Amino acid sequence: MKKSVNMWILPESIKFEDGLKIIKDAGFEGIEMNTSEEGGILNLNCKESEAKKVAEIIRKNGLEISSLLVGQFWKYPLSSLDKEKRKKGEELLEKGIKIANYIGTDAILVVPGVVSPLAGDGEIVSYDIAYKNSQESIKKYLELAEKFKVYICVENVWNKFLLSPLEMKNYVEEFKSEYVKVYFDVGNILIIGFPEMWIRILGKLIKRIHLKDFKLSIGNINGFCDLLEGDVNWPEVIKALKEINYDSYLTAEVSPYKYYPETKIYNTSLAMDKILGRK
């Protein structure tokens, strides 16, 4: 299994290329890139040449691109009752697949639908409608995904949707496509289940893994914490991953420290070494 980290670990105070050097020096093999609506390192309206330039910089610094995270699906859900929002969500999916191809990664993270927003007021969609709309929207881009050999990887998030491993397994298998898989987030699932159980049930459907830790005693968004500080049973998680012969990226998805942010990068890498049983 390869060690990767999401670029959220880099604060604005660290220049992108300087951050890549730190990530490489800390022992990571890959980085997960994020899209932005405007500006940023990799925005949704970037040209192919611009995306390839970003990829070139990453690889020049000795890192692989583990996957692409398109975070805007919360804003424009594929499950929305609002036709314009849903259309924008579909455009996100199309752009994400193309950008993933430009930068040379075969996996895009997709929030498949939202029954209820993560926080605050927002659209609430009946579970069955969210399921139907989500699948219909993703089906529109299966040919594109297959053309570019980019996997649409649906992630388990706090969206009150796909709340059991059996349901997620059925949801993915119903597409009958090699290019719809699971992006399994270990920390996200802890509040409703056991990650090791999900891993064993989803098995070969898992294409990528996000690593986060979570404190059940807090039980809300503030419960997310540094790796090894929470309640994830890491020995069982690694055991389950080995049982299903998972051998791709483990990507830490953590935010930076306010002060001395480079320390978070090294600490996360060290924690991942411990989790993986490396010296």
C-alpha atoms as a PDB file:
ATOM      1  CA  MET A   1       0.000   0.000   0.000  1.00  0.00           C
ATOM      2  CA  LYS A   2       1.239   3.462  -0.907  1.00  0.00           C
ATOM      3  CA  LYS A   3       1.232   6.515   1.358  1.00  0.00           C
ATOM      4  CA  SER A   4      -0.563   9.565  -0.022  1.00  0.00           C
ATOM      5  CA  VAL A   5      -1.912  12.791   1.435  1.00  0.00           C
ATOM      6  CA  ASN A   6      -4.613  15.199   0.344  1.00  0.00           C
ATOM      7  CA  MET A   7      -3.279  18.644  -0.530  1.00  0.00           C
ATOM      8  CA  TRP A   8      -5.518  20.203   2.157  1.00  0.00           C
ATOM      9  CA  ILE A   9      -2.599  19.539   4.483  1.00  0.00           C
ATOM     10  CA  LEU A  10      -0.814  22.466   2.797  1.00  0.00           C
ATOM     11  CA  PRO A  11      -1.883  25.877   4.153  1.00  0.00           C
ATOM     12  CA  GLU A  12      -1.778  28.986   1.959  1.00  0.00           C
ATOM     13  CA  SER A  13       1.347  30.091   3.819  1.00  0.00           C
ATOM     14  CA  ILE A  14       3.353  27.319   2.101  1.00  0.00           C
ATOM     15  CA  LYS A  15       3.952  27.688  -1.626  1.00  0.00           C
ATOM     16  CA  PHE A  16       2.738  24.705  -3.624  1.00  0.00           C
ATOM     17  CA  GLU A  17       6.105  23.489  -4.867  1.00  0.00           C
ATOM     18  CA  ASP A  18       7.722  24.026  -1.452  1.00  0.00           C
ATOM     19  CA  GLY A  19       4.903  21.959   0.034  1.00  0.00           C
ATOM     20  CA  LEU A  20       5.496  19.168  -2.447  1.00  0.00           C
ATOM     21  CA  LYS A  21       9.143  19.021  -1.397  1.00  0.00           C
ATOM     22  CA  ILE A  22       8.125  18.712   2.271  1.00  0.00           C
ATOM     23  CA  ILE A  23       5.564  16.007   1.461  1.00  0.00           C
ATOM     24  CA  LYS A  24       8.180  14.033  -0.447  1.00  0.00           C
ATOM     25  CA  ASP A  25      10.776  14.498   2.293  1.00  0.00           C
ATOM     26  CA  ALA A  26       8.249  13.300   4.897  1.00  0.00           C
ATOM     27  CA  GLY A  27       8.024   9.959   3.096  1.00  0.00           C
ATOM     28  CA  PHE A  28       4.833  10.227   1.074  1.00  0.00           C
ATOM     29  CA  GLU A  29       4.643   8.637  -2.353  1.00  0.00           C
ATOM     30  CA  GLY A  30       1.607  10.451  -3.677  1.00  0.00           C
ATOM     31  CA  ILE A  31      -0.660  13.457  -3.334  1.00  0.00           C
ATOM     32  CA  GLU A  32      -4.396  13.789  -3.907  1.00  0.00           C
ATOM     33  CA  MET A  33      -5.303  16.951  -5.775  1.00  0.00           C
ATOM     34  CA  ASN A  34      -8.448  19.017  -5.181  1.00  0.00           C
ATOM     35  CA  THR A  35     -10.428  21.130  -7.615  1.00  0.00           C
ATOM     36  CA  SER A  36     -11.476  24.710  -6.940  1.00  0.00           C
ATOM     37  CA  GLU A  37     -14.279  26.646  -8.599  1.00  0.00           C
ATOM     38  CA  GLU A  38     -12.039  29.636  -9.264  1.00  0.00           C
ATOM     39  CA  GLY A  39      -8.328  30.270  -8.998  1.00  0.00           C
ATOM     40  CA  GLY A  40      -6.329  27.788  -6.966  1.00  0.00           C
ATOM     41  CA  ILE A  41      -3.815  25.262  -8.192  1.00  0.00           C
ATOM     42  CA  LEU A  42      -6.315  23.232 -10.201  1.00  0.00           C
ATOM     43  CA  ASN A  43      -9.613  24.931 -10.989  1.00  0.00           C
ATOM     44  CA  LEU A  44     -12.555  23.341 -12.748  1.00  0.00           C
ATOM     45  CA  ASN A  45     -12.183  25.529 -15.817  1.00  0.00           C
ATOM     46  CA  CYS A  46      -8.500  24.889 -16.347  1.00  0.00           C
ATOM     47  CA  LYS A  47      -7.216  24.079 -19.806  1.00  0.00           C
ATOM     48  CA  GLU A  48      -5.669  20.716 -20.561  1.00  0.00           C
ATOM     49  CA  SER A  49      -2.238  22.334 -20.875  1.00  0.00           C
ATOM     50  CA  GLU A  50      -2.613  24.026 -17.476  1.00  0.00           C
ATOM     51  CA  ALA A  51      -3.615  20.780 -15.763  1.00  0.00           C
ATOM     52  CA  LYS A  52      -0.710  18.938 -17.355  1.00  0.00           C
ATOM     53  CA  LYS A  53       1.665  21.651 -16.143  1.00  0.00           C
ATOM     54  CA  VAL A  54       0.491  21.074 -12.556  1.00  0.00           C
ATOM     55  CA  ALA A  55       1.005  17.327 -12.993  1.00  0.00           C
ATOM     56  CA  GLU A  56       4.473  17.931 -14.381  1.00  0.00           C
ATOM     57  CA  ILE A  57       5.439  19.981 -11.305  1.00  0.00           C
ATOM     58  CA  ILE A  58       4.161  17.241  -8.982  1.00  0.00           C
ATOM     59  CA  ARG A  59       6.060  14.488 -10.755  1.00  0.00           C
ATOM     60  CA  LYS A  60       9.189  16.618 -11.021  1.00  0.00           C
ATOM     61  CA  ASN A  61       9.161  16.659  -7.226  1.00  0.00           C
ATOM     62  CA  GLY A  62       9.069  12.873  -7.075  1.00  0.00           C
ATOM     63  CA  LEU A  63       5.391  12.394  -6.230  1.00  0.00           C
ATOM     64  CA  GLU A  64       2.586  10.457  -7.899  1.00  0.00           C
ATOM     65  CA  ILE A  65      -0.957  11.784  -8.244  1.00  0.00           C
ATOM     66  CA  SER A  66      -3.068   9.345  -6.278  1.00  0.00           C
ATOM     67  CA  SER A  67      -6.515  10.709  -7.160  1.00  0.00           C
ATOM     68  CA  LEU A  68      -8.621  13.805  -7.784  1.00  0.00           C
ATOM     69  CA  LEU A  69     -11.115  15.136  -5.231  1.00  0.00           C
ATOM     70  CA  VAL A  70     -13.972  17.250  -6.575  1.00  0.00           C
ATOM     71  CA  GLY A  71     -15.401  18.813  -3.434  1.00  0.00           C
ATOM     72  CA  GLN A  72     -18.104  20.884  -5.124  1.00  0.00           C
ATOM     73  CA  PHE A  73     -20.620  18.001  -5.209  1.00  0.00           C
ATOM     74  CA  TRP A  74     -21.876  19.188  -1.815  1.00  0.00           C
ATOM     75  CA  LYS A  75     -22.848  22.501  -3.429  1.00  0.00           C
ATOM     76  CA  TYR A  76     -24.235  20.932  -6.587  1.00  0.00           C
ATOM     77  CA  PRO A  77     -25.548  17.468  -5.598  1.00  0.00           C
ATOM     78  CA  LEU A  78     -26.266  14.873  -8.255  1.00  0.00           C
ATOM     79  CA  SER A  79     -29.366  14.034  -6.218  1.00  0.00           C
ATOM     80  CA  SER A  80     -30.836  17.547  -6.160  1.00  0.00           C
ATOM     81  CA  LEU A  81     -34.470  18.297  -6.955  1.00  0.00           C
ATOM     82  CA  ASP A  82     -33.287  21.594  -8.439  1.00  0.00           C
ATOM     83  CA  LYS A  83     -32.645  20.853 -12.125  1.00  0.00           C
ATOM     84  CA  GLU A  84     -30.047  23.610 -12.458  1.00  0.00           C
ATOM     85  CA  LYS A  85     -28.092  22.441  -9.412  1.00  0.00           C
ATOM     86  CA  ARG A  86     -28.187  18.872 -10.622  1.00  0.00           C
ATOM     87  CA  LYS A  87     -27.070  19.932 -14.095  1.00  0.00           C
ATOM     88  CA  LYS A  88     -24.101  21.758 -12.558  1.00  0.00           C
ATOM     89  CA  GLY A  89     -23.313  18.627 -10.566  1.00  0.00           C
ATOM     90  CA  GLU A  90     -23.278  16.632 -13.793  1.00  0.00           C
ATOM     91  CA  GLU A  91     -20.977  19.225 -15.359  1.00  0.00           C
ATOM     92  CA  LEU A  92     -18.700  18.788 -12.338  1.00  0.00           C
ATOM     93  CA  LEU A  93     -18.552  15.069 -12.988  1.00  0.00           C
ATOM     94  CA  GLU A  94     -17.731  15.583 -16.648  1.00  0.00           C
ATOM     95  CA  LYS A  95     -15.021  18.136 -15.891  1.00  0.00           C
ATOM     96  CA  GLY A  96     -13.610  16.019 -13.080  1.00  0.00           C
ATOM     97  CA  ILE A  97     -13.225  12.972 -15.323  1.00  0.00           C
ATOM     98  CA  LYS A  98     -11.447  15.055 -17.961  1.00  0.00           C
ATOM     99  CA  ILE A  99      -9.137  16.770 -15.456  1.00  0.00           C
ATOM    100  CA  ALA A 100      -8.258  13.413 -13.893  1.00  0.00           C
ATOM    101  CA  ASN A 101      -7.262  12.231 -17.348  1.00  0.00           C
ATOM    102  CA  TYR A 102      -5.222  15.392 -17.978  1.00  0.00           C
ATOM    103  CA  ILE A 103      -3.207  15.002 -14.771  1.00  0.00           C
ATOM    104  CA  GLY A 104      -2.751  11.259 -15.218  1.00  0.00           C
ATOM    105  CA  THR A 105      -4.739   9.723 -12.388  1.00  0.00           C
ATOM    106  CA  ASP A 106      -7.371   7.007 -12.770  1.00  0.00           C
ATOM    107  CA  ALA A 107      -9.634   7.893  -9.827  1.00  0.00           C
ATOM    108  CA  ILE A 108     -12.013  10.755  -9.097  1.00  0.00           C
ATOM    109  CA  LEU A 109     -13.759  11.112  -5.738  1.00  0.00           C
ATOM    110  CA  VAL A 110     -17.492  11.726  -6.072  1.00  0.00           C
ATOM    111  CA  VAL A 111     -20.071  12.481  -3.387  1.00  0.00           C
ATOM    112  CA  PRO A 112     -22.894  10.451  -4.987  1.00  0.00           C
ATOM    113  CA  GLY A 113     -25.826  12.326  -3.471  1.00  0.00           C
ATOM    114  CA  VAL A 114     -27.070  14.270  -0.485  1.00  0.00           C
ATOM    115  CA  VAL A 115     -30.241  13.429   1.429  1.00  0.00           C
ATOM    116  CA  SER A 116     -29.510  16.114   4.015  1.00  0.00           C
ATOM    117  CA  PRO A 117     -26.807  18.805   4.082  1.00  0.00           C
ATOM    118  CA  LEU A 118     -23.866  18.449   6.420  1.00  0.00           C
ATOM    119  CA  ALA A 119     -24.698  21.574   8.417  1.00  0.00           C
ATOM    120  CA  GLY A 120     -27.169  24.440   8.410  1.00  0.00           C
ATOM    121  CA  ASP A 121     -30.196  24.923   6.208  1.00  0.00           C
ATOM    122  CA  GLY A 122     -30.365  23.317   2.819  1.00  0.00           C
ATOM    123  CA  GLU A 123     -32.294  21.076   0.506  1.00  0.00           C
ATOM    124  CA  ILE A 124     -33.537  17.775   1.942  1.00  0.00           C
ATOM    125  CA  VAL A 125     -34.247  15.112  -0.662  1.00  0.00           C
ATOM    126  CA  SER A 126     -36.287  11.966  -0.096  1.00  0.00           C
ATOM    127  CA  TYR A 127     -33.897   9.012   0.163  1.00  0.00           C
ATOM    128  CA  ASP A 128     -35.437   7.076  -2.734  1.00  0.00           C
ATOM    129  CA  ILE A 129     -35.358  10.119  -5.020  1.00  0.00           C
ATOM    130  CA  ALA A 130     -31.741  10.841  -4.069  1.00  0.00           C
ATOM    131  CA  TYR A 131     -30.848   7.250  -4.967  1.00  0.00           C
ATOM    132  CA  LYS A 132     -32.637   7.425  -8.335  1.00  0.00           C
ATOM    133  CA  ASN A 133     -31.342  10.872  -9.324  1.00  0.00           C
ATOM    134  CA  SER A 134     -27.788  10.053  -8.294  1.00  0.00           C
ATOM    135  CA  GLN A 135     -27.621   6.879 -10.353  1.00  0.00           C
ATOM    136  CA  GLU A 136     -29.234   8.498 -13.382  1.00  0.00           C
ATOM    137  CA  SER A 137     -26.709  11.352 -13.336  1.00  0.00           C
ATOM    138  CA  ILE A 138     -23.683   9.091 -12.977  1.00  0.00           C
ATOM    139  CA  LYS A 139     -24.912   6.779 -15.764  1.00  0.00           C
ATOM    140  CA  LYS A 140     -24.692   9.701 -18.205  1.00  0.00           C
ATOM    141  CA  TYR A 141     -20.917   9.738 -17.853  1.00  0.00           C
ATOM    142  CA  LEU A 142     -20.036   6.048 -17.792  1.00  0.00           C
ATOM    143  CA  GLU A 143     -18.958   6.094 -21.442  1.00  0.00           C
ATOM    144  CA  LEU A 144     -16.710   9.083 -20.778  1.00  0.00           C
ATOM    145  CA  ALA A 145     -15.191   7.379 -17.738  1.00  0.00           C
ATOM    146  CA  GLU A 146     -14.595   4.223 -19.764  1.00  0.00           C
ATOM    147  CA  LYS A 147     -13.089   6.231 -22.638  1.00  0.00           C
ATOM    148  CA  PHE A 148     -10.538   7.895 -20.362  1.00  0.00           C
ATOM    149  CA  LYS A 149     -10.185   4.894 -18.030  1.00  0.00           C
ATOM    150  CA  VAL A 150     -11.046   7.035 -15.000  1.00  0.00           C
ATOM    151  CA  TYR A 151     -12.903   5.383 -12.123  1.00  0.00           C
ATOM    152  CA  ILE A 152     -15.878   7.222 -10.615  1.00  0.00           C
ATOM    153  CA  CYS A 153     -15.287   6.485  -6.925  1.00  0.00           C
ATOM    154  CA  VAL A 154     -18.276   7.204  -4.688  1.00  0.00           C
ATOM    155  CA  GLU A 155     -17.354   8.099  -1.126  1.00  0.00           C
ATOM    156  CA  ASN A 156     -19.149   7.543   2.156  1.00  0.00           C
ATOM    157  CA  VAL A 157     -19.679  10.974   3.710  1.00  0.00           C
ATOM    158  CA  TRP A 158     -22.013  12.485   6.275  1.00  0.00           C
ATOM    159  CA  ASN A 159     -24.844  12.886   3.758  1.00  0.00           C
ATOM    160  CA  LYS A 160     -27.380  10.488   5.351  1.00  0.00           C
ATOM    161  CA  PHE A 161     -27.109   8.391   2.210  1.00  0.00           C
ATOM    162  CA  LEU A 162     -25.808   4.833   1.552  1.00  0.00           C
ATOM    163  CA  LEU A 163     -25.767   4.047   5.245  1.00  0.00           C
ATOM    164  CA  SER A 164     -24.778   0.380   5.182  1.00  0.00           C
ATOM    165  CA  PRO A 165     -22.057  -1.579   3.397  1.00  0.00           C
ATOM    166  CA  LEU A 166     -24.646  -3.869   1.816  1.00  0.00           C
ATOM    167  CA  GLU A 167     -26.520  -0.920   0.351  1.00  0.00           C
ATOM    168  CA  MET A 168     -23.368   0.731  -0.966  1.00  0.00           C
ATOM    169  CA  LYS A 169     -22.313  -2.572  -2.516  1.00  0.00           C
ATOM    170  CA  ASN A 170     -25.689  -2.908  -4.263  1.00  0.00           C
ATOM    171  CA  TYR A 171     -25.659   0.748  -5.346  1.00  0.00           C
ATOM    172  CA  VAL A 172     -22.278   0.368  -7.069  1.00  0.00           C
ATOM    173  CA  GLU A 173     -22.953  -3.050  -8.574  1.00  0.00           C
ATOM    174  CA  GLU A 174     -26.232  -1.840 -10.111  1.00  0.00           C
ATOM    175  CA  PHE A 175     -24.246   0.302 -12.563  1.00  0.00           C
ATOM    176  CA  LYS A 176     -22.803  -2.875 -14.088  1.00  0.00           C
ATOM    177  CA  SER A 177     -19.689  -0.901 -14.968  1.00  0.00           C
ATOM    178  CA  GLU A 178     -16.051  -1.573 -14.163  1.00  0.00           C
ATOM    179  CA  TYR A 179     -15.612   2.198 -13.847  1.00  0.00           C
ATOM    180  CA  VAL A 180     -17.843   2.816 -10.827  1.00  0.00           C
ATOM    181  CA  LYS A 181     -16.091   1.927  -7.587  1.00  0.00           C
ATOM    182  CA  VAL A 182     -15.898   2.974  -3.921  1.00  0.00           C
ATOM    183  CA  TYR A 183     -13.675   5.566  -2.288  1.00  0.00           C
ATOM    184  CA  PHE A 184     -13.863   4.320   1.286  1.00  0.00           C
ATOM    185  CA  ASP A 185     -13.271   6.792   4.111  1.00  0.00           C
ATOM    186  CA  VAL A 186     -12.227   5.006   7.304  1.00  0.00           C
ATOM    187  CA  GLY A 187     -12.894   7.921   9.670  1.00  0.00           C
ATOM    188  CA  ASN A 188     -16.203   9.022   8.168  1.00  0.00           C
ATOM    189  CA  ILE A 189     -17.807   5.648   8.772  1.00  0.00           C
ATOM    190  CA  LEU A 190     -16.931   5.305  12.443  1.00  0.00           C
ATOM    191  CA  ILE A 191     -19.982   7.167  13.717  1.00  0.00           C
ATOM    192  CA  ILE A 192     -22.357   4.659  12.065  1.00  0.00           C
ATOM    193  CA  GLY A 193     -20.339   1.469  11.775  1.00  0.00           C
ATOM    194  CA  PHE A 194     -17.072  -0.436  11.818  1.00  0.00           C
ATOM    195  CA  PRO A 195     -14.644   0.313   8.977  1.00  0.00           C
ATOM    196  CA  GLU A 196     -13.161  -3.172   8.998  1.00  0.00           C
ATOM    197  CA  MET A 197     -16.636  -4.654   8.370  1.00  0.00           C
ATOM    198  CA  TRP A 198     -17.289  -2.279   5.480  1.00  0.00           C
ATOM    199  CA  ILE A 199     -13.905  -3.095   3.943  1.00  0.00           C
ATOM    200  CA  ARG A 200     -14.521  -6.843   4.050  1.00  0.00           C
ATOM    201  CA  ILE A 201     -18.031  -6.519   2.589  1.00  0.00           C
ATOM    202  CA  LEU A 202     -17.125  -4.046  -0.172  1.00  0.00           C
ATOM    203  CA  GLY A 203     -13.964  -5.967  -1.025  1.00  0.00           C
ATOM    204  CA  LYS A 204     -12.763  -5.474  -4.600  1.00  0.00           C
ATOM    205  CA  LEU A 205     -15.208  -2.605  -5.130  1.00  0.00           C
ATOM    206  CA  ILE A 206     -12.861  -0.392  -3.102  1.00  0.00           C
ATOM    207  CA  LYS A 207     -10.590   1.579  -5.430  1.00  0.00           C
ATOM    208  CA  ARG A 208      -9.166   4.143  -2.996  1.00  0.00           C
ATOM    209  CA  ILE A 209      -8.974   4.673   0.781  1.00  0.00           C
ATOM    210  CA  HIS A 210      -9.125   7.888   2.816  1.00  0.00           C
ATOM    211  CA  LEU A 211      -7.555   7.822   6.271  1.00  0.00           C
ATOM    212  CA  LYS A 212      -9.002   9.976   9.027  1.00  0.00           C
ATOM    213  CA  ASP A 213      -9.455   9.345  12.746  1.00  0.00           C
ATOM    214  CA  PHE A 214     -12.444  10.203  14.898  1.00  0.00           C
ATOM    215  CA  LYS A 215     -13.289  10.464  18.608  1.00  0.00           C
ATOM    216  CA  LEU A 216     -16.644   8.842  19.312  1.00  0.00           C
ATOM    217  CA  SER A 217     -16.849  10.553  22.703  1.00  0.00           C
ATOM    218  CA  ILE A 218     -17.273  13.867  20.855  1.00  0.00           C
ATOM    219  CA  GLY A 219     -19.533  12.459  18.164  1.00  0.00           C
ATOM    220  CA  ASN A 220     -19.830  15.512  15.906  1.00  0.00           C
ATOM    221  CA  ILE A 221     -17.727  17.272  13.291  1.00  0.00           C
ATOM    222  CA  ASN A 222     -15.295  18.312  16.031  1.00  0.00           C
ATOM    223  CA  GLY A 223     -14.533  14.653  16.680  1.00  0.00           C
ATOM    224  CA  PHE A 224     -12.152  14.378  13.742  1.00  0.00           C
ATOM    225  CA  CYS A 225      -8.583  14.305  14.983  1.00  0.00           C
ATOM    226  CA  ASP A 226      -5.026  13.383  14.062  1.00  0.00           C
ATOM    227  CA  LEU A 227      -4.335   9.796  13.067  1.00  0.00           C
ATOM    228  CA  LEU A 228      -3.874   7.488  16.107  1.00  0.00           C
ATOM    229  CA  GLU A 229      -5.664   9.937  18.432  1.00  0.00           C
ATOM    230  CA  GLY A 230      -9.187   8.612  17.826  1.00  0.00           C
ATOM    231  CA  ASP A 231     -11.144   5.368  17.999  1.00  0.00           C
ATOM    232  CA  VAL A 232     -10.401   3.744  14.638  1.00  0.00           C
ATOM    233  CA  ASN A 233      -9.172   0.183  15.239  1.00  0.00           C
ATOM    234  CA  TRP A 234      -6.178   0.497  12.952  1.00  0.00           C
ATOM    235  CA  PRO A 235      -4.842  -3.068  13.347  1.00  0.00           C
ATOM    236  CA  GLU A 236      -8.229  -4.443  12.245  1.00  0.00           C
ATOM    237  CA  VAL A 237      -8.482  -1.951   9.376  1.00  0.00           C
ATOM    238  CA  ILE A 238      -5.082  -2.966   8.002  1.00  0.00           C
ATOM    239  CA  LYS A 239      -5.885  -6.648   8.543  1.00  0.00           C
ATOM    240  CA  ALA A 240      -9.124  -6.237   6.555  1.00  0.00           C
ATOM    241  CA  LEU A 241      -7.340  -4.361   3.744  1.00  0.00           C
ATOM    242  CA  LYS A 242      -4.793  -7.144   3.458  1.00  0.00           C
ATOM    243  CA  GLU A 243      -7.572  -9.739   3.392  1.00  0.00           C
ATOM    244  CA  ILE A 244      -9.125  -8.094   0.327  1.00  0.00           C
ATOM    245  CA  ASN A 245      -5.642  -7.668  -1.208  1.00  0.00           C
ATOM    246  CA  TYR A 246      -5.933  -3.890  -1.342  1.00  0.00           C
ATOM    247  CA  ASP A 247      -2.646  -2.558  -2.674  1.00  0.00           C
ATOM    248  CA  SER A 248      -3.350   0.998  -3.810  1.00  0.00           C
ATOM    249  CA  TYR A 249      -3.093   4.399  -2.097  1.00  0.00           C
ATOM    250  CA  LEU A 250      -3.929   5.204   1.500  1.00  0.00           C
ATOM    251  CA  THR A 251      -4.585   8.950   1.448  1.00  0.00           C
ATOM    252  CA  ALA A 252      -4.590  10.917   4.675  1.00  0.00           C
ATOM    253  CA  GLU A 253      -7.246  13.628   4.573  1.00  0.00           C
ATOM    254  CA  VAL A 254      -6.309  16.040   7.338  1.00  0.00           C
ATOM    255  CA  SER A 255      -6.178  19.794   7.827  1.00  0.00           C
ATOM    256  CA  PRO A 256      -2.939  21.668   8.604  1.00  0.00           C
ATOM    257  CA  TYR A 257      -1.729  22.939  11.943  1.00  0.00           C
ATOM    258  CA  LYS A 258      -2.171  26.679  12.392  1.00  0.00           C
ATOM    259  CA  TYR A 259       1.428  27.051  13.505  1.00  0.00           C
ATOM    260  CA  TYR A 260       4.403  25.073  12.133  1.00  0.00           C
ATOM    261  CA  PRO A 261       2.191  23.350   9.531  1.00  0.00           C
ATOM    262  CA  GLU A 262       5.103  21.326   8.181  1.00  0.00           C
ATOM    263  CA  THR A 263       5.033  19.417  11.491  1.00  0.00           C
ATOM    264  CA  LYS A 264       1.567  18.056  10.638  1.00  0.00           C
ATOM    265  CA  ILE A 265       2.942  16.591   7.412  1.00  0.00           C
ATOM    266  CA  TYR A 266       5.757  14.736   9.192  1.00  0.00           C
ATOM    267  CA  ASN A 267       3.494  13.627  12.070  1.00  0.00           C
ATOM    268  CA  THR A 268       0.906  12.258   9.635  1.00  0.00           C
ATOM    269  CA  SER A 269       3.545  10.336   7.712  1.00  0.00           C
ATOM    270  CA  LEU A 270       4.940   8.863  10.933  1.00  0.00           C
ATOM    271  CA  ALA A 271       1.433   7.876  12.088  1.00  0.00           C
ATOM    272  CA  MET A 272       0.806   6.152   8.759  1.00  0.00           C
ATOM    273  CA  ASP A 273       4.085   4.234   9.110  1.00  0.00           C
ATOM    274  CA  LYS A 274       2.905   2.992  12.498  1.00  0.00           C
ATOM    275  CA  ILE A 275      -0.491   2.044  11.087  1.00  0.00           C
ATOM    276  CA  LEU A 276       1.192   0.109   8.286  1.00  0.00           C
ATOM    277  CA  GLY A 277       3.648  -1.560  10.659  1.00  0.00           C
ATOM    278  CA  ARG A 278       6.665   0.097   9.093  1.00  0.00           C
ATOM    279  CA  LYS A 279       9.731   1.036  11.115  1.00  0.00           C
END
